[in-house]
Amino acid sequence: MDIIAGLDAAIKDGVDVLSFSIGAYSGMQFNYDSIAIAAFKAMERGIFVSCAAGNTGPDPGTVGNGAPWMLTVAAGTMDRTIRTNVKLGNGEEFHGESLF
């Protein structure tokens, strides 16, 4: 409940971005997941939400924080890079890495 209270306070303070490293696979539906509900509340107010993936793997489908309104960031190890470019609708282009 302290985490949800902190997220609510940040939303009321008018933040533009919420980024937190909390993630654990719970297997519950989004409407019962308090983190997903709080993130949805933020997203409705135009706040960008980024969360750690959390992973109980190595089994498939064990990434937590998978609600589609949160950017879920995971870590991995790979001995190569896969370069990619992202071009926004306004013409801005960003270079980075991705795996898709």
Protein backbone atom coordinates (compact mmCIF):
# COMPACT_ATOMS: atom_id res chain seq x y z
CA MET A 1 0.00 0.00 0.00
CA ASP A 2 2.95 2.36 0.60
CA ILE A 3 4.01 1.99 -3.03
CA ILE A 4 0.51 2.81 -4.30
CA ALA A 5 0.32 5.80 -1.93
CA GLY A 6 3.66 7.01 -3.33
CA LEU A 7 2.42 6.66 -6.91
CA ASP A 8 -0.79 8.51 -6.06
CA ALA A 9 1.21 11.32 -4.42
CA ALA A 10 3.44 11.62 -7.50
CA ILE A 11 0.39 11.82 -9.76
CA LYS A 12 -1.13 14.54 -7.57
CA ASP A 13 2.21 16.41 -7.64
CA GLY A 14 1.92 16.56 -11.43
CA VAL A 15 4.93 14.50 -12.49
CA ASP A 16 5.46 13.79 -16.20
CA VAL A 17 7.19 10.41 -15.80
CA LEU A 18 6.91 7.53 -13.33
CA SER A 19 9.76 5.05 -13.46
CA PHE A 20 10.13 2.36 -10.85
CA SER A 21 11.97 -0.91 -10.54
CA ILE A 22 9.31 -3.10 -9.08
CA GLY A 23 8.36 -6.25 -10.85
CA ALA A 24 7.32 -9.72 -9.97
CA TYR A 25 5.19 -12.15 -11.88
CA SER A 26 1.90 -12.45 -10.08
CA GLY A 27 -0.21 -14.14 -12.73
CA MET A 28 -3.20 -12.03 -11.74
CA GLN A 29 -5.46 -10.15 -14.12
CA PHE A 30 -4.73 -6.44 -14.58
CA ASN A 31 -7.94 -5.42 -12.78
CA TYR A 32 -6.61 -7.08 -9.60
CA ASP A 33 -3.00 -5.88 -9.94
CA SER A 34 -2.55 -2.74 -7.82
CA ILE A 35 0.59 -1.64 -9.73
CA ALA A 36 -1.21 -1.96 -13.08
CA ILE A 37 -4.21 -0.03 -11.72
CA ALA A 38 -2.02 2.79 -10.39
CA ALA A 39 -0.10 2.91 -13.68
CA PHE A 40 -3.37 3.09 -15.63
CA LYS A 41 -4.49 5.99 -13.45
CA ALA A 42 -1.22 7.77 -14.29
CA MET A 43 -1.50 6.99 -18.00
CA GLU A 44 -5.02 8.44 -18.08
CA ARG A 45 -3.51 11.72 -16.88
CA GLY A 46 -0.84 11.73 -19.60
CA ILE A 47 1.99 10.47 -17.38
CA PHE A 48 4.55 8.15 -19.00
CA VAL A 49 5.04 4.99 -16.91
CA SER A 50 8.12 2.77 -17.08
CA CYS A 51 8.57 -0.34 -14.93
CA ALA A 52 11.15 -3.07 -14.49
CA ALA A 53 10.04 -6.30 -16.10
CA GLY A 54 10.65 -8.48 -13.07
CA ASN A 55 11.21 -12.05 -14.07
CA THR A 56 10.73 -15.35 -12.33
CA GLY A 57 12.07 -17.11 -15.44
CA PRO A 58 13.74 -18.71 -17.28
CA ASP A 59 10.31 -20.03 -18.24
CA PRO A 60 8.35 -18.26 -21.00
CA GLY A 61 5.64 -15.86 -19.89
CA THR A 62 7.09 -15.08 -16.48
CA VAL A 63 7.69 -11.36 -16.99
CA GLY A 64 5.71 -9.18 -14.59
CA ASN A 65 4.40 -5.65 -15.20
CA GLY A 66 3.12 -6.62 -18.62
CA ALA A 67 0.19 -4.18 -18.77
CA PRO A 68 0.18 -2.58 -22.24
CA TRP A 69 0.00 0.96 -20.82
CA MET A 70 3.40 0.58 -19.12
CA LEU A 71 6.76 0.53 -20.85
CA THR A 72 8.20 -2.66 -19.41
CA VAL A 73 12.00 -2.73 -19.43
CA ALA A 74 13.91 -6.00 -19.15
CA ALA A 75 17.57 -6.82 -18.90
CA GLY A 76 19.31 -9.49 -20.82
CA THR A 77 22.70 -10.66 -21.94
CA MET A 78 23.80 -10.99 -25.51
CA ASP A 79 27.24 -10.76 -27.08
CA ARG A 80 26.06 -8.67 -30.06
CA THR A 81 24.04 -5.54 -30.71
CA ILE A 82 21.09 -5.18 -33.00
CA ARG A 83 21.02 -1.60 -34.22
CA THR A 84 17.72 0.02 -35.09
CA ASN A 85 16.29 3.44 -35.83
CA VAL A 86 12.99 4.88 -34.68
CA LYS A 87 11.43 7.64 -36.74
CA LEU A 88 8.63 9.60 -35.11
CA GLY A 89 5.70 11.17 -36.91
CA ASN A 90 7.27 14.61 -36.52
CA GLY A 91 10.36 13.46 -38.44
CA GLU A 92 12.68 13.11 -35.44
CA GLU A 93 14.88 10.02 -35.66
CA PHE A 94 16.56 8.18 -32.81
CA HIS A 95 19.26 5.53 -33.07
CA GLY A 96 19.48 2.70 -30.57
CA GLU A 97 19.28 -1.02 -30.03
CA SER A 98 16.32 -3.35 -30.10
CA LEU A 99 15.30 -6.94 -30.38
CA PHE A 100 12.01 -7.62 -32.07
